[in-house]
C-alpha atoms as a PDB file:
ATOM      1  CA  MET A   1     -21.833  -6.502  -0.185  1.00  0.00           C
ATOM      2  CA  GLU A   2     -24.635  -6.564  -2.723  1.00  0.00           C
ATOM      3  CA  LYS A   3     -24.825  -4.909  -6.090  1.00  0.00           C
ATOM      4  CA  THR A   4     -26.786  -1.678  -5.840  1.00  0.00           C
ATOM      5  CA  GLN A   5     -26.336  -0.031  -9.209  1.00  0.00           C
ATOM      6  CA  ASP A   6     -26.439  -1.244 -12.775  1.00  0.00           C
ATOM      7  CA  VAL A   7     -23.271  -0.114 -14.540  1.00  0.00           C
ATOM      8  CA  LYS A   8     -22.589  -0.224 -18.272  1.00  0.00           C
ATOM      9  CA  LEU A   9     -18.940   0.209 -19.224  1.00  0.00           C
ATOM     10  CA  ASP A  10     -17.317   0.935 -22.575  1.00  0.00           C
ATOM     11  CA  PHE A  11     -14.476  -1.577 -22.987  1.00  0.00           C
ATOM     12  CA  SER A  12     -13.265   0.089 -26.196  1.00  0.00           C
ATOM     13  CA  VAL A  13     -11.390   2.654 -24.081  1.00  0.00           C
ATOM     14  CA  LEU A  14      -8.899  -0.048 -23.037  1.00  0.00           C
ATOM     15  CA  ASP A  15      -5.898  -0.574 -25.285  1.00  0.00           C
ATOM     16  CA  LYS A  16      -4.605  -4.037 -26.207  1.00  0.00           C
ATOM     17  CA  GLU A  17      -2.126  -4.240 -23.330  1.00  0.00           C
ATOM     18  CA  GLU A  18      -4.678  -3.057 -20.749  1.00  0.00           C
ATOM     19  CA  LEU A  19      -7.221  -5.590 -21.985  1.00  0.00           C
ATOM     20  CA  ALA A  20      -4.585  -8.335 -22.001  1.00  0.00           C
ATOM     21  CA  LEU A  21      -3.685  -7.539 -18.383  1.00  0.00           C
ATOM     22  CA  LEU A  22      -7.341  -7.645 -17.358  1.00  0.00           C
ATOM     23  CA  LYS A  23      -7.900 -10.989 -19.094  1.00  0.00           C
ATOM     24  CA  SER A  24      -4.712 -12.408 -17.599  1.00  0.00           C
ATOM     25  CA  GLN A  25      -5.593 -11.312 -14.075  1.00  0.00           C
ATOM     26  CA  THR A  26      -9.204 -12.501 -14.191  1.00  0.00           C
ATOM     27  CA  GLY A  27      -8.634 -15.608 -16.304  1.00  0.00           C
ATOM     28  CA  ILE A  28     -11.679 -14.610 -18.389  1.00  0.00           C
ATOM     29  CA  GLU A  29     -11.157 -14.569 -22.170  1.00  0.00           C
ATOM     30  CA  ASN A  30     -14.780 -14.297 -23.316  1.00  0.00           C
ATOM     31  CA  MET A  31     -15.602 -10.590 -23.682  1.00  0.00           C
ATOM     32  CA  GLU A  32     -19.266 -10.857 -22.710  1.00  0.00           C
ATOM     33  CA  GLU A  33     -18.402 -12.843 -19.593  1.00  0.00           C
ATOM     34  CA  LEU A  34     -15.626 -10.372 -18.783  1.00  0.00           C
ATOM     35  CA  ARG A  35     -18.000  -7.425 -19.203  1.00  0.00           C
ATOM     36  CA  GLU A  36     -20.595  -8.945 -16.887  1.00  0.00           C
ATOM     37  CA  HIS A  37     -17.950  -9.732 -14.270  1.00  0.00           C
ATOM     38  CA  VAL A  38     -16.397  -6.229 -14.230  1.00  0.00           C
ATOM     39  CA  GLU A  39     -19.757  -4.437 -14.264  1.00  0.00           C
ATOM     40  CA  SER A  40     -20.978  -6.587 -11.369  1.00  0.00           C
ATOM     41  CA  VAL A  41     -17.980  -5.721  -9.194  1.00  0.00           C
ATOM     42  CA  VAL A  42     -18.154  -2.027 -10.079  1.00  0.00           C
ATOM     43  CA  GLY A  43     -21.847  -2.036  -9.196  1.00  0.00           C
ATOM     44  CA  LYS A  44     -20.901  -3.278  -5.732  1.00  0.00           C
ATOM     45  CA  ALA A  45     -18.209  -0.595  -5.447  1.00  0.00           C
ATOM     46  CA  HIS A  46     -20.894   2.090  -5.558  1.00  0.00           C
ATOM     47  CA  ASN A  47     -21.910   0.883  -2.097  1.00  0.00           C
ATOM     48  CA  VAL A  48     -18.510   2.037  -0.839  1.00  0.00           C
ATOM     49  CA  PHE A  49     -18.066   5.419  -2.531  1.00  0.00           C
ATOM     50  CA  ARG A  50     -19.496   6.759  -5.778  1.00  0.00           C
ATOM     51  CA  TYR A  51     -16.303   7.960  -7.406  1.00  0.00           C
ATOM     52  CA  GLU A  52     -17.095   9.510 -10.777  1.00  0.00           C
ATOM     53  CA  CYS A  53     -14.379   7.421 -12.458  1.00  0.00           C
ATOM     54  CA  LEU A  54     -16.282   4.240 -11.586  1.00  0.00           C
ATOM     55  CA  THR A  55     -18.921   5.129 -14.164  1.00  0.00           C
ATOM     56  CA  ARG A  56     -16.238   4.703 -16.833  1.00  0.00           C
ATOM     57  CA  LEU A  57     -13.380   2.255 -17.395  1.00  0.00           C
ATOM     58  CA  VAL A  58     -10.797   4.963 -16.745  1.00  0.00           C
ATOM     59  CA  PHE A  59      -9.999   3.231 -13.444  1.00  0.00           C
ATOM     60  CA  LEU A  60      -8.651   0.235 -15.418  1.00  0.00           C
ATOM     61  CA  LYS A  61      -6.446   2.349 -17.665  1.00  0.00           C
ATOM     62  CA  SER A  62      -2.906   2.323 -16.335  1.00  0.00           C
ATOM     63  CA  LYS A  63      -1.394   5.687 -15.443  1.00  0.00           C
ATOM     64  CA  TYR A  64       2.150   4.372 -15.791  1.00  0.00           C
ATOM     65  CA  PRO A  65       2.598   4.812 -19.581  1.00  0.00           C
ATOM     66  CA  ARG A  66       1.967   8.543 -19.074  1.00  0.00           C
ATOM     67  CA  LEU A  67       4.497   8.824 -16.249  1.00  0.00           C
ATOM     68  CA  PRO A  68       8.144   9.165 -17.355  1.00  0.00           C
ATOM     69  CA  ALA A  69       9.314   8.285 -13.828  1.00  0.00           C
ATOM     70  CA  TYR A  70       7.809   4.802 -14.031  1.00  0.00           C
ATOM     71  CA  LYS A  71      10.726   3.398 -16.038  1.00  0.00           C
ATOM     72  CA  HIS A  72      13.070   4.685 -13.320  1.00  0.00           C
ATOM     73  CA  VAL A  73      10.893   3.027 -10.655  1.00  0.00           C
ATOM     74  CA  LEU A  74      11.114  -0.353 -12.391  1.00  0.00           C
ATOM     75  CA  GLU A  75      14.893   0.032 -12.582  1.00  0.00           C
ATOM     76  CA  LEU A  76      14.983   0.764  -8.833  1.00  0.00           C
ATOM     77  CA  GLY A  77      13.131  -2.479  -8.191  1.00  0.00           C
ATOM     78  CA  LYS A  78      15.650  -4.444 -10.220  1.00  0.00           C
ATOM     79  CA  SER A  79      18.871  -2.715  -9.151  1.00  0.00           C
ATOM     80  CA  ARG A  80      18.368  -2.120  -5.415  1.00  0.00           C
ATOM     81  CA  GLU A  81      17.747  -4.804  -2.852  1.00  0.00           C
ATOM     82  CA  ASP A  82      14.638  -4.347  -0.693  1.00  0.00           C
ATOM     83  CA  THR A  83      13.417  -1.222  -2.509  1.00  0.00           C
ATOM     84  CA  LEU A  84       9.919  -0.680  -1.170  1.00  0.00           C
ATOM     85  CA  PHE A  85       7.178   0.535  -3.503  1.00  0.00           C
ATOM     86  CA  LEU A  86       3.997   2.069  -2.038  1.00  0.00           C
ATOM     87  CA  ASP A  87       0.837   2.440  -4.126  1.00  0.00           C
ATOM     88  CA  ILE A  88      -1.258   4.841  -2.032  1.00  0.00           C
ATOM     89  CA  GLY A  89      -4.869   5.573  -2.909  1.00  0.00           C
ATOM     90  CA  CYS A  90      -4.788   2.271  -4.791  1.00  0.00           C
ATOM     91  CA  CYS A  91      -8.578   1.632  -4.968  1.00  0.00           C
ATOM     92  CA  PHE A  92      -8.971  -1.844  -6.602  1.00  0.00           C
ATOM     93  CA  GLY A  93      -5.194  -2.197  -6.933  1.00  0.00           C
ATOM     94  CA  HIS A  94      -5.063  -2.214 -10.739  1.00  0.00           C
ATOM     95  CA  ASP A  95      -1.824  -0.199 -10.879  1.00  0.00           C
ATOM     96  CA  THR A  96      -0.415  -2.304  -8.029  1.00  0.00           C
ATOM     97  CA  ARG A  97      -0.898  -5.390 -10.181  1.00  0.00           C
ATOM     98  CA  LYS A  98       0.471  -3.609 -13.248  1.00  0.00           C
ATOM     99  CA  ALA A  99       3.754  -2.959 -11.402  1.00  0.00           C
ATOM    100  CA  VAL A 100       4.030  -6.682 -10.591  1.00  0.00           C
ATOM    101  CA  TRP A 101       3.114  -7.541 -14.208  1.00  0.00           C
ATOM    102  CA  ASP A 102       5.988  -5.269 -15.346  1.00  0.00           C
ATOM    103  CA  GLY A 103       8.533  -6.940 -13.097  1.00  0.00           C
ATOM    104  CA  TYR A 104       8.637  -5.032  -9.814  1.00  0.00           C
ATOM    105  CA  PRO A 105       9.358  -7.586  -7.055  1.00  0.00           C
ATOM    106  CA  ILE A 106       6.005  -8.433  -5.464  1.00  0.00           C
ATOM    107  CA  GLN A 107       7.639  -9.007  -2.065  1.00  0.00           C
ATOM    108  CA  ASN A 108       8.601  -5.297  -1.973  1.00  0.00           C
ATOM    109  CA  ILE A 109       5.197  -3.789  -2.770  1.00  0.00           C
ATOM    110  CA  ILE A 110       2.666  -2.303  -0.331  1.00  0.00           C
ATOM    111  CA  ALA A 111      -0.822  -0.994  -1.147  1.00  0.00           C
ATOM    112  CA  SER A 112      -2.956   1.453   0.811  1.00  0.00           C
ATOM    113  CA  ASP A 113      -6.350   3.132   0.531  1.00  0.00           C
ATOM    114  CA  LEU A 114      -8.864   4.826   2.787  1.00  0.00           C
ATOM    115  CA  TYR A 115     -11.478   2.181   1.959  1.00  0.00           C
ATOM    116  CA  PRO A 116     -10.423  -1.455   2.576  1.00  0.00           C
ATOM    117  CA  GLU A 117     -13.618  -2.538   0.816  1.00  0.00           C
ATOM    118  CA  PHE A 118     -12.083  -1.449  -2.491  1.00  0.00           C
ATOM    119  CA  TRP A 119      -9.094  -3.748  -1.952  1.00  0.00           C
ATOM    120  CA  ASP A 120     -11.436  -6.632  -1.154  1.00  0.00           C
ATOM    121  CA  LEU A 121     -13.388  -5.884  -4.333  1.00  0.00           C
ATOM    122  CA  GLY A 122     -10.059  -5.820  -6.176  1.00  0.00           C
ATOM    123  CA  HIS A 123      -9.497  -9.420  -5.170  1.00  0.00           C
ATOM    124  CA  GLU A 124     -12.984 -10.209  -6.456  1.00  0.00           C
ATOM    125  CA  LEU A 125     -12.421  -8.233  -9.656  1.00  0.00           C
ATOM    126  CA  PHE A 126      -9.078  -9.875 -10.465  1.00  0.00           C
ATOM    127  CA  LYS A 127     -10.074 -13.269  -9.023  1.00  0.00           C
ATOM    128  CA  SER A 128      -7.170 -13.277  -6.575  1.00  0.00           C
ATOM    129  CA  THR A 129      -6.778 -13.907  -2.861  1.00  0.00           C
ATOM    130  CA  PRO A 130      -4.325 -12.626  -0.245  1.00  0.00           C
ATOM    131  CA  GLU A 131      -2.469 -15.910  -0.830  1.00  0.00           C
ATOM    132  CA  THR A 132      -2.292 -15.730  -4.651  1.00  0.00           C
ATOM    133  CA  PHE A 133      -1.551 -11.972  -4.628  1.00  0.00           C
ATOM    134  CA  PRO A 134       0.365 -11.516  -1.347  1.00  0.00           C
ATOM    135  CA  VAL A 135       0.756  -7.725  -1.379  1.00  0.00           C
ATOM    136  CA  PRO A 136       0.173  -6.308   2.124  1.00  0.00           C
ATOM    137  CA  PHE A 137      -2.753  -3.880   2.172  1.00  0.00           C
ATOM    138  CA  ILE A 138      -2.676  -1.242   4.923  1.00  0.00           C
ATOM    139  CA  PRO A 139      -5.881   0.813   5.154  1.00  0.00           C
ATOM    140  CA  GLY A 140      -5.854   4.276   6.613  1.00  0.00           C
ATOM    141  CA  ASP A 141      -6.649   7.976   6.346  1.00  0.00           C
ATOM    142  CA  ILE A 142      -3.653   9.887   5.039  1.00  0.00           C
ATOM    143  CA  PHE A 143      -4.594  12.869   7.240  1.00  0.00           C
ATOM    144  CA  ASP A 144      -4.595  10.715  10.400  1.00  0.00           C
ATOM    145  CA  ASP A 145      -1.437  11.333  12.422  1.00  0.00           C
ATOM    146  CA  HIS A 146      -1.621   7.811  13.814  1.00  0.00           C
ATOM    147  CA  PHE A 147      -1.516   6.442  10.264  1.00  0.00           C
ATOM    148  CA  ILE A 148       1.286   8.751   9.055  1.00  0.00           C
ATOM    149  CA  PRO A 149       2.670  10.995  11.814  1.00  0.00           C
ATOM    150  CA  ASP A 150       3.622  14.575  10.965  1.00  0.00           C
ATOM    151  CA  ARG A 151       7.370  14.516  10.465  1.00  0.00           C
ATOM    152  CA  MET A 152       9.962  16.357   8.419  1.00  0.00           C
ATOM    153  CA  PRO A 153      11.509  14.478   5.486  1.00  0.00           C
ATOM    154  CA  VAL A 154      14.254  12.096   6.556  1.00  0.00           C
ATOM    155  CA  MET A 155      17.515  13.604   5.301  1.00  0.00           C
ATOM    156  CA  LYS A 156      19.987  10.917   6.373  1.00  0.00           C
ATOM    157  CA  THR A 157      19.895   7.153   6.059  1.00  0.00           C
ATOM    158  CA  SER A 158      17.466   5.882   8.660  1.00  0.00           C
ATOM    159  CA  THR A 159      18.973   4.266  11.740  1.00  0.00           C
ATOM    160  CA  THR A 160      15.748   2.360  12.386  1.00  0.00           C
ATOM    161  CA  GLU A 161      15.357  -1.119  10.981  1.00  0.00           C
ATOM    162  CA  ARG A 162      12.812  -1.554   8.232  1.00  0.00           C
ATOM    163  CA  PRO A 163       9.840  -3.487   9.621  1.00  0.00           C
ATOM    164  CA  SER A 164       8.582  -6.642   7.989  1.00  0.00           C
ATOM    165  CA  LEU A 165       5.621  -6.145   5.684  1.00  0.00           C
ATOM    166  CA  GLN A 166       3.705  -8.806   7.587  1.00  0.00           C
ATOM    167  CA  SER A 167       3.967  -6.831  10.812  1.00  0.00           C
ATOM    168  CA  LEU A 168       2.826  -3.666   9.029  1.00  0.00           C
ATOM    169  CA  ALA A 169      -0.350  -5.289   7.783  1.00  0.00           C
ATOM    170  CA  SER A 170      -1.374  -6.059  11.355  1.00  0.00           C
ATOM    171  CA  SER A 171      -0.273  -2.678  12.749  1.00  0.00           C
ATOM    172  CA  LYS A 172      -2.555  -0.650  10.417  1.00  0.00           C
ATOM    173  CA  SER A 173      -0.002   2.167  10.227  1.00  0.00           C
ATOM    174  CA  LEU A 174       2.646   3.406   7.802  1.00  0.00           C
ATOM    175  CA  ALA A 175       4.560   5.156  10.590  1.00  0.00           C
ATOM    176  CA  PRO A 176       7.298   2.474  10.847  1.00  0.00           C
ATOM    177  CA  LEU A 177       8.066   3.039   7.143  1.00  0.00           C
ATOM    178  CA  GLN A 178       8.901   6.736   7.416  1.00  0.00           C
ATOM    179  CA  GLY A 179      12.227   7.223   5.650  1.00  0.00           C
ATOM    180  CA  HIS A 180      12.230   3.694   4.193  1.00  0.00           C
ATOM    181  CA  ILE A 181      10.160   3.803   0.969  1.00  0.00           C
ATOM    182  CA  SER A 182      12.030   4.093  -2.340  1.00  0.00           C
ATOM    183  CA  ALA A 183       9.062   4.759  -4.646  1.00  0.00           C
ATOM    184  CA  ILE A 184       5.593   6.136  -3.897  1.00  0.00           C
ATOM    185  CA  HIS A 185       2.842   6.155  -6.512  1.00  0.00           C
ATOM    186  CA  ALA A 186       0.030   8.650  -5.768  1.00  0.00           C
ATOM    187  CA  SER A 187      -2.334   9.129  -8.729  1.00  0.00           C
ATOM    188  CA  ALA A 188      -5.877  10.570  -8.682  1.00  0.00           C
ATOM    189  CA  LEU A 189      -5.352  11.568  -5.040  1.00  0.00           C
ATOM    190  CA  PHE A 190      -4.207  15.173  -4.672  1.00  0.00           C
ATOM    191  CA  HIS A 191      -6.887  16.568  -6.977  1.00  0.00           C
ATOM    192  CA  LEU A 192      -9.636  15.570  -4.518  1.00  0.00           C
ATOM    193  CA  PHE A 193      -8.708  18.433  -2.165  1.00  0.00           C
ATOM    194  CA  ARG A 194      -8.106  22.157  -1.783  1.00  0.00           C
ATOM    195  CA  GLU A 195      -4.634  23.681  -1.697  1.00  0.00           C
ATOM    196  CA  GLU A 196      -3.775  23.358   2.007  1.00  0.00           C
ATOM    197  CA  PRO A 197      -4.861  19.695   2.348  1.00  0.00           C
ATOM    198  CA  GLN A 198      -2.763  18.945  -0.745  1.00  0.00           C
ATOM    199  CA  ARG A 199       0.262  20.422   1.039  1.00  0.00           C
ATOM    200  CA  ARG A 200      -0.473  18.240   4.055  1.00  0.00           C
ATOM    201  CA  ILE A 201      -0.580  15.149   1.840  1.00  0.00           C
ATOM    202  CA  ALA A 202       2.722  16.143   0.235  1.00  0.00           C
ATOM    203  CA  LYS A 203       4.353  16.471   3.660  1.00  0.00           C
ATOM    204  CA  LYS A 204       3.047  13.087   4.752  1.00  0.00           C
ATOM    205  CA  LEU A 205       4.381  11.364   1.627  1.00  0.00           C
ATOM    206  CA  ALA A 206       7.703  13.216   1.886  1.00  0.00           C
ATOM    207  CA  SER A 207       8.169  11.811   5.390  1.00  0.00           C
ATOM    208  CA  LEU A 208       7.860   8.269   4.011  1.00  0.00           C
ATOM    209  CA  LEU A 209      10.441   8.698   1.258  1.00  0.00           C
ATOM    210  CA  SER A 210      13.903   7.216   1.626  1.00  0.00           C
ATOM    211  CA  PRO A 211      16.758   9.786   1.611  1.00  0.00           C
ATOM    212  CA  VAL A 212      18.751   7.648  -0.850  1.00  0.00           C
ATOM    213  CA  PRO A 213      19.271   9.572  -4.129  1.00  0.00           C
ATOM    214  CA  GLY A 214      16.870   8.390  -6.814  1.00  0.00           C
ATOM    215  CA  SER A 215      14.016   7.678  -4.407  1.00  0.00           C
ATOM    216  CA  VAL A 216      10.876   9.122  -5.974  1.00  0.00           C
ATOM    217  CA  ILE A 217       7.258  10.132  -5.449  1.00  0.00           C
ATOM    218  CA  PHE A 218       5.278  10.218  -8.704  1.00  0.00           C
ATOM    219  CA  GLY A 219       1.745  10.362 -10.032  1.00  0.00           C
ATOM    220  CA  LEU A 220      -0.949  11.753 -12.293  1.00  0.00           C
ATOM    221  CA  HIS A 221      -3.955  13.890 -11.417  1.00  0.00           C
ATOM    222  CA  ARG A 222      -6.091  16.764 -12.612  1.00  0.00           C
ATOM    223  CA  GLY A 223      -4.273  20.084 -13.004  1.00  0.00           C
ATOM    224  CA  LEU A 224      -4.385  23.382 -14.895  1.00  0.00           C
ATOM    225  CA  PRO A 225      -2.053  25.535 -17.011  1.00  0.00           C
ATOM    226  CA  GLU A 226      -2.536  28.270 -14.376  1.00  0.00           C
ATOM    227  CA  ALA A 227      -3.133  27.283 -10.753  1.00  0.00           C
ATOM    228  CA  ARG A 228      -6.534  28.137  -9.264  1.00  0.00           C
ATOM    229  CA  GLU A 229      -9.546  26.725  -7.455  1.00  0.00           C
ATOM    230  CA  ILE A 230     -11.958  24.741  -9.627  1.00  0.00           C
ATOM    231  CA  GLN A 231     -15.086  22.622  -9.303  1.00  0.00           C
ATOM    232  CA  ASN A 232     -14.447  18.931  -8.889  1.00  0.00           C
ATOM    233  CA  VAL A 233     -15.544  16.603 -11.684  1.00  0.00           C
ATOM    234  CA  GLY A 234     -18.848  14.930 -10.820  1.00  0.00           C
ATOM    235  CA  LYS A 235     -19.251  16.741  -7.483  1.00  0.00           C
ATOM    236  CA  ALA A 236     -21.198  19.944  -7.978  1.00  0.00           C
ATOM    237  CA  LYS A 237     -20.625  21.295  -4.471  1.00  0.00           C
ATOM    238  CA  ASP A 238     -16.934  20.438  -4.079  1.00  0.00           C
ATOM    239  CA  THR A 239     -14.223  23.009  -4.674  1.00  0.00           C
ATOM    240  CA  ILE A 240     -10.714  21.699  -5.246  1.00  0.00           C
ATOM    241  CA  PHE A 241      -7.385  23.243  -6.188  1.00  0.00           C
ATOM    242  CA  GLY A 242      -5.862  22.696  -9.599  1.00  0.00           C
ATOM    243  CA  HIS A 243      -2.077  22.961  -9.538  1.00  0.00           C
ATOM    244  CA  SER A 244      -0.064  24.077 -12.538  1.00  0.00           C
ATOM    245  CA  PRO A 245       3.412  22.699 -13.279  1.00  0.00           C
ATOM    246  CA  ALA A 246       4.911  25.894 -11.801  1.00  0.00           C
ATOM    247  CA  SER A 247       2.874  25.824  -8.569  1.00  0.00           C
ATOM    248  CA  TRP A 248       3.480  22.085  -8.203  1.00  0.00           C
ATOM    249  CA  LYS A 249       7.227  22.581  -8.337  1.00  0.00           C
ATOM    250  CA  LYS A 250       7.000  25.345  -5.733  1.00  0.00           C
ATOM    251  CA  LEU A 251       4.949  23.095  -3.459  1.00  0.00           C
ATOM    252  CA  TRP A 252       7.706  20.502  -3.280  1.00  0.00           C
ATOM    253  CA  ALA A 253      10.924  22.458  -3.854  1.00  0.00           C
ATOM    254  CA  GLY A 254       9.930  25.982  -2.788  1.00  0.00           C
ATOM    255  CA  GLY A 255      10.420  29.326  -4.477  1.00  0.00           C
ATOM    256  CA  GLU A 256      11.452  32.892  -3.699  1.00  0.00           C
ATOM    257  CA  THR A 257       8.516  33.484  -1.349  1.00  0.00           C
ATOM    258  CA  GLU A 258       7.380  29.938  -0.612  1.00  0.00           C
ATOM    259  CA  GLU A 259       8.906  27.187   1.521  1.00  0.00           C
ATOM    260  CA  GLY A 260       8.843  23.798  -0.112  1.00  0.00           C
ATOM    261  CA  VAL A 261       7.976  20.457   1.428  1.00  0.00           C
ATOM    262  CA  PHE A 262      11.636  19.451   0.978  1.00  0.00           C
ATOM    263  CA  PRO A 263      14.645  21.629   1.894  1.00  0.00           C
ATOM    264  CA  PRO A 264      16.143  23.607  -1.022  1.00  0.00           C
ATOM    265  CA  HIS A 265      18.230  21.700  -3.567  1.00  0.00           C
ATOM    266  CA  THR A 266      17.357  18.250  -2.214  1.00  0.00           C
ATOM    267  CA  VAL A 267      14.826  17.147  -4.853  1.00  0.00           C
ATOM    268  CA  GLU A 268      14.277  17.472  -8.580  1.00  0.00           C
ATOM    269  CA  VAL A 269      10.652  18.112  -9.542  1.00  0.00           C
ATOM    270  CA  ASP A 270       9.327  17.350 -13.019  1.00  0.00           C
ATOM    271  CA  ALA A 271       5.766  18.315 -13.946  1.00  0.00           C
ATOM    272  CA  SER A 272       3.953  18.592 -17.260  1.00  0.00           C
ATOM    273  CA  ILE A 273       0.361  19.375 -18.224  1.00  0.00           C
ATOM    274  CA  THR A 274      -1.704  17.858 -21.038  1.00  0.00           C
ATOM    275  CA  GLN A 275      -5.311  18.363 -22.076  1.00  0.00           C
ATOM    276  CA  ILE A 276      -7.592  15.369 -22.590  1.00  0.00           C
ATOM    277  CA  PRO A 277      -8.777  15.581 -26.224  1.00  0.00           C
ATOM    278  CA  GLY A 278     -12.356  16.762 -26.610  1.00  0.00           C
ATOM    279  CA  THR A 279     -12.611  18.016 -23.018  1.00  0.00           C
ATOM    280  CA  ASP A 280     -11.548  20.984 -20.909  1.00  0.00           C
ATOM    281  CA  VAL A 281      -9.820  18.644 -18.429  1.00  0.00           C
ATOM    282  CA  HIS A 282      -6.048  18.904 -17.983  1.00  0.00           C
ATOM    283  CA  MET A 283      -3.867  16.232 -16.385  1.00  0.00           C
ATOM    284  CA  LEU A 284      -0.674  16.890 -14.432  1.00  0.00           C
ATOM    285  CA  ALA A 285       2.022  14.191 -14.709  1.00  0.00           C
ATOM    286  CA  TRP A 286       4.775  14.626 -12.145  1.00  0.00           C
ATOM    287  CA  SER A 287       7.650  13.217 -10.160  1.00  0.00           C
ATOM    288  CA  VAL A 288       9.668  14.352  -7.138  1.00  0.00           C
ATOM    289  CA  THR A 289      13.097  12.697  -6.999  1.00  0.00           C
ATOM    290  CA  ARG A 290      15.755  12.833  -4.287  1.00  0.00           C
ATOM    291  CA  ILE A 291      19.114  14.159  -5.506  1.00  0.00           C
END
């Protein structure tokens, strides 16, 4: 995969911890060398898909500090044996590595994205290999029923045995994990689509979640104070749906006239909206937790 686009990135957007993580993962301390390395890999990524975020270093800024549920997720990893964590829509796997950096057991983490090329570029970016960073990567289209079959949320402890992560990597499907995953991170994913596809994604992720109380789906993506259709950032012809905190809660838990993805009174949904300073862009931080 050859570099096809010159990319110039502003490293000042990274805070001290984010820069320290990047230097630690790459082993590159010299800033000019680090800049050249990151820009080279990002240039190659434009061969795969020209996501607007790849023109800026926002993709290396961790979402976790803005997600209150993340502390709970780390506690799950420490307090429960074999608590699986899925980072879906992981791209280069920066947040996957951040979770390991923060102490989540690496042997219980799975990563997934539509484009396996991004995961390969992640190894190049962070100078790792499948042996030095042994997180199983399972590529697939979230809308593909062979990848995640349509299924209602699992409401009782699964009677099926959890498959080994090694077998999953070769099967190319998340189906065997339905009802087994304790924490699912899904950031910068939902806001790529209109309202009905977002509901389909929610149902797919709900089917993967363990029924054990405390199991959680969480993330961060573009939203609005009042729900409506909007134009996607960087894609002039794409129309997407911006959820508000109120509409997001109804999506998952239901309301007076709307059926939720989960049965009534089985999840707690937290959602908050913030505006990025100096822009008209709002971000929705959220979590859906089994009770």
